[in-house]
Amino acid sequence: MLYELRKYTLKVGTMATVLELYGNKGYPAFSAAEKARLVGYFTSDTGTLNQIVHLWRFKDDAERREHWASVFSNAAFMEFAKDLRPNILTQENQLLNEAPWGPNP
């Protein structure tokens, strides 16, 4: 499995707006197949603050690329992204390979 960790650092004071956007427009725009790849969304409480983080699970990089191509061709998601972008300071994407021991989500 391949995991993609996406971190968005938000402008101070915009977390409530971003959570509302994700809840009302972003998450609902995903198809059932896209949602099935989502491990979870999280917000930071310590460390780097004002972050929303999401973790995605894919069988391989081809599935990951297919997923994001589907998302970025979705008009409802792109409308959400247009509203989201002014609230973002930085974005970091990290690809992670699962370790051969222990539980994996």
C-alpha atoms as a PDB file:
ATOM      1  CA  MET A   1       0.000   0.000   0.000  1.00  0.00           C
ATOM      2  CA  LEU A   2       0.980   3.589  -0.613  1.00  0.00           C
ATOM      3  CA  TYR A   3      -0.199   6.407   1.632  1.00  0.00           C
ATOM      4  CA  GLU A   4      -0.331  10.090   0.820  1.00  0.00           C
ATOM      5  CA  LEU A   5      -0.201  12.575   3.677  1.00  0.00           C
ATOM      6  CA  ARG A   6      -1.400  16.036   2.680  1.00  0.00           C
ATOM      7  CA  LYS A   7      -0.874  18.965   5.063  1.00  0.00           C
ATOM      8  CA  TYR A   8      -2.327  22.409   4.580  1.00  0.00           C
ATOM      9  CA  THR A   9      -1.156  25.228   6.840  1.00  0.00           C
ATOM     10  CA  LEU A  10      -3.891  27.833   6.998  1.00  0.00           C
ATOM     11  CA  LYS A  11      -3.889  31.549   7.569  1.00  0.00           C
ATOM     12  CA  VAL A  12      -4.427  32.284  11.253  1.00  0.00           C
ATOM     13  CA  GLY A  13      -8.104  32.730  11.988  1.00  0.00           C
ATOM     14  CA  THR A  14      -9.406  30.758   8.986  1.00  0.00           C
ATOM     15  CA  MET A  15      -9.765  27.272  10.527  1.00  0.00           C
ATOM     16  CA  ALA A  16     -13.517  27.614  11.154  1.00  0.00           C
ATOM     17  CA  THR A  17     -14.067  28.786   7.575  1.00  0.00           C
ATOM     18  CA  VAL A  18     -11.965  25.933   6.159  1.00  0.00           C
ATOM     19  CA  LEU A  19     -13.725  23.285   8.269  1.00  0.00           C
ATOM     20  CA  GLU A  20     -17.078  24.617   7.088  1.00  0.00           C
ATOM     21  CA  LEU A  21     -15.895  24.550   3.447  1.00  0.00           C
ATOM     22  CA  TYR A  22     -14.644  20.966   3.759  1.00  0.00           C
ATOM     23  CA  GLY A  23     -17.808  19.840   5.531  1.00  0.00           C
ATOM     24  CA  ASN A  24     -20.264  21.518   3.190  1.00  0.00           C
ATOM     25  CA  LYS A  25     -18.480  21.424  -0.163  1.00  0.00           C
ATOM     26  CA  GLY A  26     -15.163  19.546  -0.180  1.00  0.00           C
ATOM     27  CA  TYR A  27     -15.979  16.194   1.401  1.00  0.00           C
ATOM     28  CA  PRO A  28     -19.447  15.905  -0.178  1.00  0.00           C
ATOM     29  CA  ALA A  29     -17.896  16.444  -3.630  1.00  0.00           C
ATOM     30  CA  PHE A  30     -15.906  13.197  -3.399  1.00  0.00           C
ATOM     31  CA  SER A  31     -17.439  10.123  -5.016  1.00  0.00           C
ATOM     32  CA  ALA A  32     -17.991   6.982  -2.929  1.00  0.00           C
ATOM     33  CA  ALA A  33     -14.912   5.386  -4.540  1.00  0.00           C
ATOM     34  CA  GLU A  34     -12.813   8.446  -3.688  1.00  0.00           C
ATOM     35  CA  LYS A  35     -14.081   8.497  -0.098  1.00  0.00           C
ATOM     36  CA  ALA A  36     -13.168   4.805   0.261  1.00  0.00           C
ATOM     37  CA  ARG A  37      -9.485   5.708  -0.156  1.00  0.00           C
ATOM     38  CA  LEU A  38      -9.588   8.318   2.606  1.00  0.00           C
ATOM     39  CA  VAL A  39      -8.116   7.186   5.934  1.00  0.00           C
ATOM     40  CA  GLY A  40      -9.103  10.414   7.667  1.00  0.00           C
ATOM     41  CA  TYR A  41      -9.020  14.162   8.098  1.00  0.00           C
ATOM     42  CA  PHE A  42      -7.370  15.745  11.139  1.00  0.00           C
ATOM     43  CA  THR A  43      -6.646  19.188  12.577  1.00  0.00           C
ATOM     44  CA  SER A  44      -3.497  20.065  14.501  1.00  0.00           C
ATOM     45  CA  ASP A  45      -3.620  20.643  18.252  1.00  0.00           C
ATOM     46  CA  THR A  46       0.121  20.830  18.993  1.00  0.00           C
ATOM     47  CA  GLY A  47       3.233  21.363  16.892  1.00  0.00           C
ATOM     48  CA  THR A  48       2.519  23.356  13.765  1.00  0.00           C
ATOM     49  CA  LEU A  49      -0.854  24.931  14.434  1.00  0.00           C
ATOM     50  CA  ASN A  50      -3.552  25.959  11.980  1.00  0.00           C
ATOM     51  CA  GLN A  51      -3.164  22.791   9.939  1.00  0.00           C
ATOM     52  CA  ILE A  52      -5.662  20.479   8.359  1.00  0.00           C
ATOM     53  CA  VAL A  53      -4.186  17.111   7.468  1.00  0.00           C
ATOM     54  CA  HIS A  54      -5.592  14.241   5.482  1.00  0.00           C
ATOM     55  CA  LEU A  55      -4.279  10.741   4.849  1.00  0.00           C
ATOM     56  CA  TRP A  56      -5.140   8.707   1.762  1.00  0.00           C
ATOM     57  CA  ARG A  57      -4.527   5.006   1.029  1.00  0.00           C
ATOM     58  CA  PHE A  58      -3.788   3.644  -2.458  1.00  0.00           C
ATOM     59  CA  LYS A  59      -2.719   0.240  -3.740  1.00  0.00           C
ATOM     60  CA  ASP A  60      -0.009   1.900  -5.863  1.00  0.00           C
ATOM     61  CA  ASP A  61       1.023   5.154  -7.529  1.00  0.00           C
ATOM     62  CA  ALA A  62      -1.120   4.461 -10.597  1.00  0.00           C
ATOM     63  CA  GLU A  63      -4.240   4.331  -8.430  1.00  0.00           C
ATOM     64  CA  ARG A  64      -3.107   7.515  -6.660  1.00  0.00           C
ATOM     65  CA  ARG A  65      -2.719   9.356  -9.966  1.00  0.00           C
ATOM     66  CA  GLU A  66      -6.073   8.056 -11.211  1.00  0.00           C
ATOM     67  CA  HIS A  67      -7.704   9.244  -7.978  1.00  0.00           C
ATOM     68  CA  TRP A  68      -6.369  12.802  -8.187  1.00  0.00           C
ATOM     69  CA  ALA A  69      -7.179  13.020 -11.919  1.00  0.00           C
ATOM     70  CA  SER A  70     -10.764  12.093 -11.049  1.00  0.00           C
ATOM     71  CA  VAL A  71     -10.897  14.623  -8.198  1.00  0.00           C
ATOM     72  CA  PHE A  72      -9.418  17.450 -10.270  1.00  0.00           C
ATOM     73  CA  SER A  73     -11.870  16.808 -13.124  1.00  0.00           C
ATOM     74  CA  ASN A  74     -14.812  17.072 -10.705  1.00  0.00           C
ATOM     75  CA  ALA A  75     -16.461  20.509 -11.143  1.00  0.00           C
ATOM     76  CA  ALA A  76     -17.964  20.507  -7.630  1.00  0.00           C
ATOM     77  CA  PHE A  77     -14.587  19.762  -6.050  1.00  0.00           C
ATOM     78  CA  MET A  78     -12.849  22.434  -8.128  1.00  0.00           C
ATOM     79  CA  GLU A  79     -15.450  24.989  -7.016  1.00  0.00           C
ATOM     80  CA  PHE A  80     -14.602  24.044  -3.412  1.00  0.00           C
ATOM     81  CA  ALA A  81     -10.868  24.334  -4.174  1.00  0.00           C
ATOM     82  CA  LYS A  82     -11.395  27.849  -5.558  1.00  0.00           C
ATOM     83  CA  ASP A  83     -12.970  28.856  -2.238  1.00  0.00           C
ATOM     84  CA  LEU A  84     -10.338  27.029  -0.177  1.00  0.00           C
ATOM     85  CA  ARG A  85      -7.149  28.356  -1.803  1.00  0.00           C
ATOM     86  CA  PRO A  86      -7.253  31.918  -0.377  1.00  0.00           C
ATOM     87  CA  ASN A  87      -7.111  30.398   3.140  1.00  0.00           C
ATOM     88  CA  ILE A  88      -3.938  28.328   2.559  1.00  0.00           C
ATOM     89  CA  LEU A  89      -0.411  29.493   3.363  1.00  0.00           C
ATOM     90  CA  THR A  90       1.455  26.273   2.488  1.00  0.00           C
ATOM     91  CA  GLN A  91       0.775  22.771   1.220  1.00  0.00           C
ATOM     92  CA  GLU A  92       2.936  19.707   1.787  1.00  0.00           C
ATOM     93  CA  ASN A  93       2.341  16.292   0.216  1.00  0.00           C
ATOM     94  CA  GLN A  94       4.281  13.268   1.411  1.00  0.00           C
ATOM     95  CA  LEU A  95       4.154   9.741  -0.002  1.00  0.00           C
ATOM     96  CA  LEU A  96       4.592   7.001   2.599  1.00  0.00           C
ATOM     97  CA  ASN A  97       5.202   3.272   2.173  1.00  0.00           C
ATOM     98  CA  GLU A  98       3.753   1.025   4.854  1.00  0.00           C
ATOM     99  CA  ALA A  99       6.249  -0.735   7.110  1.00  0.00           C
ATOM    100  CA  PRO A 100       6.300  -4.545   6.886  1.00  0.00           C
ATOM    101  CA  TRP A 101       5.330  -4.912  10.579  1.00  0.00           C
ATOM    102  CA  GLY A 102       2.590  -3.590  12.822  1.00  0.00           C
ATOM    103  CA  PRO A 103      -0.889  -2.399  11.994  1.00  0.00           C
ATOM    104  CA  ASN A 104      -1.564  -0.276   8.974  1.00  0.00           C
ATOM    105  CA  PRO A 105      -4.770   1.713   8.505  1.00  0.00           C
END
